[in-house]
Amino acid sequence: MNKKTLYRIYNLKTDASYFGISSSKGNVCAQERFSLDLGMHPCRTLQDDYTKTGLELFVIETIKESDETEELVTLKAELEKQLEDKGTTVYR
Protein backbone atom coordinates (compact mmCIF):
# COMPACT_ATOMS: atom_id res chain seq x y z
CA MET A 1 0.00 0.00 0.00
CA ASN A 2 1.00 3.60 -0.55
CA LYS A 3 1.55 5.60 2.61
CA LYS A 4 -0.36 8.84 2.85
CA THR A 5 0.52 11.84 4.97
CA LEU A 6 -1.70 14.12 7.05
CA TYR A 7 0.00 17.49 7.39
CA ARG A 8 -0.71 20.95 8.75
CA ILE A 9 0.27 24.42 7.61
CA TYR A 10 0.12 26.71 10.63
CA ASN A 11 0.03 30.51 10.55
CA LEU A 12 2.02 31.73 13.58
CA LYS A 13 0.56 35.23 13.31
CA THR A 14 -3.15 34.34 13.23
CA ASP A 15 -3.19 30.77 14.64
CA ALA A 16 -5.07 29.64 11.51
CA SER A 17 -4.37 26.11 10.26
CA TYR A 18 -4.72 24.22 7.02
CA PHE A 19 -4.84 20.43 7.08
CA GLY A 20 -4.19 18.32 4.02
CA ILE A 21 -3.69 14.70 3.07
CA SER A 22 -1.09 13.84 0.47
CA SER A 23 -0.55 10.56 -1.32
CA SER A 24 2.47 11.78 -3.24
CA LYS A 25 5.87 10.37 -2.50
CA GLY A 26 8.60 12.65 -1.30
CA ASN A 27 8.75 15.52 1.13
CA VAL A 28 5.22 16.85 1.62
CA CYS A 29 6.48 19.94 3.45
CA ALA A 30 8.78 20.88 0.58
CA GLN A 31 6.02 20.27 -1.97
CA GLU A 32 3.57 22.51 -0.09
CA ARG A 33 6.14 25.25 0.37
CA PHE A 34 6.98 25.11 -3.34
CA SER A 35 3.30 25.48 -4.21
CA LEU A 36 2.95 28.44 -1.81
CA ASP A 37 6.14 30.09 -3.04
CA LEU A 38 4.84 29.91 -6.61
CA GLY A 39 1.47 31.36 -5.56
CA MET A 40 -0.33 28.23 -6.73
CA HIS A 41 -1.77 26.71 -3.56
CA PRO A 42 -5.39 25.56 -4.08
CA CYS A 43 -6.56 27.15 -0.81
CA ARG A 44 -6.80 30.81 -1.83
CA THR A 45 -7.16 32.28 1.68
CA LEU A 46 -4.06 30.40 2.82
CA GLN A 47 -2.22 31.51 -0.31
CA ASP A 48 -3.22 35.15 0.22
CA ASP A 49 -2.02 35.11 3.85
CA TYR A 50 1.23 33.42 2.85
CA THR A 51 1.82 35.94 0.08
CA LYS A 52 1.21 38.87 2.48
CA THR A 53 3.27 37.62 5.43
CA GLY A 54 5.85 35.24 3.96
CA LEU A 55 7.40 31.94 4.94
CA GLU A 56 8.77 33.13 8.28
CA LEU A 57 5.30 33.14 9.88
CA PHE A 58 4.27 29.66 8.70
CA VAL A 59 5.11 26.18 9.93
CA ILE A 60 4.54 23.12 7.76
CA GLU A 61 4.51 19.89 9.73
CA THR A 62 3.66 16.23 9.31
CA ILE A 63 0.92 15.08 11.68
CA LYS A 64 0.69 11.38 10.80
CA GLU A 65 1.54 8.87 8.10
CA SER A 66 -0.69 5.88 7.41
CA ASP A 67 -1.66 3.32 4.81
CA GLU A 68 -5.29 3.87 5.79
CA THR A 69 -6.81 6.91 4.06
CA GLU A 70 -10.00 6.75 6.15
CA GLU A 71 -7.95 6.99 9.36
CA LEU A 72 -6.33 10.19 8.13
CA VAL A 73 -9.62 11.64 6.88
CA THR A 74 -11.20 11.01 10.29
CA LEU A 75 -8.25 12.51 12.17
CA LYS A 76 -8.25 15.55 9.86
CA ALA A 77 -11.94 16.18 10.53
CA GLU A 78 -11.43 15.79 14.29
CA LEU A 79 -8.54 18.26 14.33
CA GLU A 80 -10.45 20.80 12.26
CA LYS A 81 -13.48 20.51 14.54
CA GLN A 82 -11.36 20.92 17.68
CA LEU A 83 -9.88 24.14 16.35
CA GLU A 84 -13.19 25.52 15.12
CA ASP A 85 -14.83 24.70 18.47
CA LYS A 86 -12.17 26.89 20.10
CA GLY A 87 -12.89 29.69 17.63
CA THR A 88 -9.68 29.20 15.67
CA THR A 89 -9.71 29.70 11.90
CA VAL A 90 -9.28 26.66 9.71
CA TYR A 91 -8.31 27.37 6.12
CA ARG A 92 -10.59 25.49 3.69
C-alpha atoms as a PDB file:
ATOM      1  CA  MET A   1       0.000   0.000   0.000  1.00  0.00           C
ATOM      2  CA  ASN A   2       1.000   3.596  -0.552  1.00  0.00           C
ATOM      3  CA  LYS A   3       1.548   5.598   2.612  1.00  0.00           C
ATOM      4  CA  LYS A   4      -0.357   8.843   2.848  1.00  0.00           C
ATOM      5  CA  THR A   5       0.521  11.843   4.974  1.00  0.00           C
ATOM      6  CA  LEU A   6      -1.703  14.120   7.051  1.00  0.00           C
ATOM      7  CA  TYR A   7       0.000  17.486   7.392  1.00  0.00           C
ATOM      8  CA  ARG A   8      -0.708  20.949   8.755  1.00  0.00           C
ATOM      9  CA  ILE A   9       0.274  24.416   7.606  1.00  0.00           C
ATOM     10  CA  TYR A  10       0.116  26.706  10.633  1.00  0.00           C
ATOM     11  CA  ASN A  11       0.035  30.507  10.550  1.00  0.00           C
ATOM     12  CA  LEU A  12       2.020  31.728  13.580  1.00  0.00           C
ATOM     13  CA  LYS A  13       0.556  35.228  13.311  1.00  0.00           C
ATOM     14  CA  THR A  14      -3.153  34.337  13.234  1.00  0.00           C
ATOM     15  CA  ASP A  15      -3.186  30.767  14.643  1.00  0.00           C
ATOM     16  CA  ALA A  16      -5.070  29.641  11.513  1.00  0.00           C
ATOM     17  CA  SER A  17      -4.375  26.112  10.263  1.00  0.00           C
ATOM     18  CA  TYR A  18      -4.718  24.223   7.025  1.00  0.00           C
ATOM     19  CA  PHE A  19      -4.844  20.428   7.077  1.00  0.00           C
ATOM     20  CA  GLY A  20      -4.194  18.323   4.018  1.00  0.00           C
ATOM     21  CA  ILE A  21      -3.691  14.698   3.067  1.00  0.00           C
ATOM     22  CA  SER A  22      -1.093  13.837   0.470  1.00  0.00           C
ATOM     23  CA  SER A  23      -0.547  10.563  -1.315  1.00  0.00           C
ATOM     24  CA  SER A  24       2.466  11.775  -3.243  1.00  0.00           C
ATOM     25  CA  LYS A  25       5.868  10.374  -2.501  1.00  0.00           C
ATOM     26  CA  GLY A  26       8.604  12.650  -1.298  1.00  0.00           C
ATOM     27  CA  ASN A  27       8.755  15.522   1.128  1.00  0.00           C
ATOM     28  CA  VAL A  28       5.217  16.851   1.616  1.00  0.00           C
ATOM     29  CA  CYS A  29       6.475  19.936   3.455  1.00  0.00           C
ATOM     30  CA  ALA A  30       8.784  20.876   0.583  1.00  0.00           C
ATOM     31  CA  GLN A  31       6.018  20.274  -1.967  1.00  0.00           C
ATOM     32  CA  GLU A  32       3.572  22.511  -0.086  1.00  0.00           C
ATOM     33  CA  ARG A  33       6.144  25.252   0.365  1.00  0.00           C
ATOM     34  CA  PHE A  34       6.984  25.105  -3.343  1.00  0.00           C
ATOM     35  CA  SER A  35       3.295  25.485  -4.209  1.00  0.00           C
ATOM     36  CA  LEU A  36       2.946  28.437  -1.806  1.00  0.00           C
ATOM     37  CA  ASP A  37       6.144  30.088  -3.044  1.00  0.00           C
ATOM     38  CA  LEU A  38       4.836  29.914  -6.611  1.00  0.00           C
ATOM     39  CA  GLY A  39       1.468  31.362  -5.562  1.00  0.00           C
ATOM     40  CA  MET A  40      -0.333  28.231  -6.731  1.00  0.00           C
ATOM     41  CA  HIS A  41      -1.765  26.710  -3.558  1.00  0.00           C
ATOM     42  CA  PRO A  42      -5.388  25.557  -4.083  1.00  0.00           C
ATOM     43  CA  CYS A  43      -6.559  27.154  -0.812  1.00  0.00           C
ATOM     44  CA  ARG A  44      -6.800  30.811  -1.830  1.00  0.00           C
ATOM     45  CA  THR A  45      -7.157  32.276   1.681  1.00  0.00           C
ATOM     46  CA  LEU A  46      -4.058  30.405   2.822  1.00  0.00           C
ATOM     47  CA  GLN A  47      -2.215  31.515  -0.308  1.00  0.00           C
ATOM     48  CA  ASP A  48      -3.220  35.146   0.221  1.00  0.00           C
ATOM     49  CA  ASP A  49      -2.025  35.109   3.852  1.00  0.00           C
ATOM     50  CA  TYR A  50       1.232  33.424   2.849  1.00  0.00           C
ATOM     51  CA  THR A  51       1.818  35.942   0.082  1.00  0.00           C
ATOM     52  CA  LYS A  52       1.212  38.867   2.482  1.00  0.00           C
ATOM     53  CA  THR A  53       3.271  37.615   5.428  1.00  0.00           C
ATOM     54  CA  GLY A  54       5.848  35.238   3.958  1.00  0.00           C
ATOM     55  CA  LEU A  55       7.401  31.943   4.938  1.00  0.00           C
ATOM     56  CA  GLU A  56       8.769  33.133   8.285  1.00  0.00           C
ATOM     57  CA  LEU A  57       5.305  33.139   9.877  1.00  0.00           C
ATOM     58  CA  PHE A  58       4.271  29.663   8.701  1.00  0.00           C
ATOM     59  CA  VAL A  59       5.114  26.180   9.933  1.00  0.00           C
ATOM     60  CA  ILE A  60       4.537  23.124   7.760  1.00  0.00           C
ATOM     61  CA  GLU A  61       4.508  19.890   9.728  1.00  0.00           C
ATOM     62  CA  THR A  62       3.659  16.232   9.310  1.00  0.00           C
ATOM     63  CA  ILE A  63       0.916  15.079  11.679  1.00  0.00           C
ATOM     64  CA  LYS A  64       0.690  11.381  10.797  1.00  0.00           C
ATOM     65  CA  GLU A  65       1.536   8.869   8.096  1.00  0.00           C
ATOM     66  CA  SER A  66      -0.691   5.882   7.409  1.00  0.00           C
ATOM     67  CA  ASP A  67      -1.659   3.318   4.808  1.00  0.00           C
ATOM     68  CA  GLU A  68      -5.291   3.871   5.787  1.00  0.00           C
ATOM     69  CA  THR A  69      -6.810   6.906   4.058  1.00  0.00           C
ATOM     70  CA  GLU A  70      -9.998   6.755   6.153  1.00  0.00           C
ATOM     71  CA  GLU A  71      -7.955   6.988   9.363  1.00  0.00           C
ATOM     72  CA  LEU A  72      -6.332  10.193   8.133  1.00  0.00           C
ATOM     73  CA  VAL A  73      -9.624  11.642   6.876  1.00  0.00           C
ATOM     74  CA  THR A  74     -11.202  11.011  10.287  1.00  0.00           C
ATOM     75  CA  LEU A  75      -8.252  12.509  12.165  1.00  0.00           C
ATOM     76  CA  LYS A  76      -8.249  15.555   9.862  1.00  0.00           C
ATOM     77  CA  ALA A  77     -11.943  16.180  10.527  1.00  0.00           C
ATOM     78  CA  GLU A  78     -11.434  15.791  14.288  1.00  0.00           C
ATOM     79  CA  LEU A  79      -8.541  18.263  14.332  1.00  0.00           C
ATOM     80  CA  GLU A  80     -10.455  20.805  12.260  1.00  0.00           C
ATOM     81  CA  LYS A  81     -13.480  20.515  14.536  1.00  0.00           C
ATOM     82  CA  GLN A  82     -11.363  20.918  17.684  1.00  0.00           C
ATOM     83  CA  LEU A  83      -9.880  24.142  16.351  1.00  0.00           C
ATOM     84  CA  GLU A  84     -13.195  25.519  15.121  1.00  0.00           C
ATOM     85  CA  ASP A  85     -14.826  24.700  18.472  1.00  0.00           C
ATOM     86  CA  LYS A  86     -12.165  26.891  20.095  1.00  0.00           C
ATOM     87  CA  GLY A  87     -12.887  29.691  17.632  1.00  0.00           C
ATOM     88  CA  THR A  88      -9.676  29.197  15.672  1.00  0.00           C
ATOM     89  CA  THR A  89      -9.706  29.701  11.905  1.00  0.00           C
ATOM     90  CA  VAL A  90      -9.280  26.663   9.714  1.00  0.00           C
ATOM     91  CA  TYR A  91      -8.311  27.367   6.116  1.00  0.00           C
ATOM     92  CA  ARG A  92     -10.588  25.490   3.689  1.00  0.00           C
END
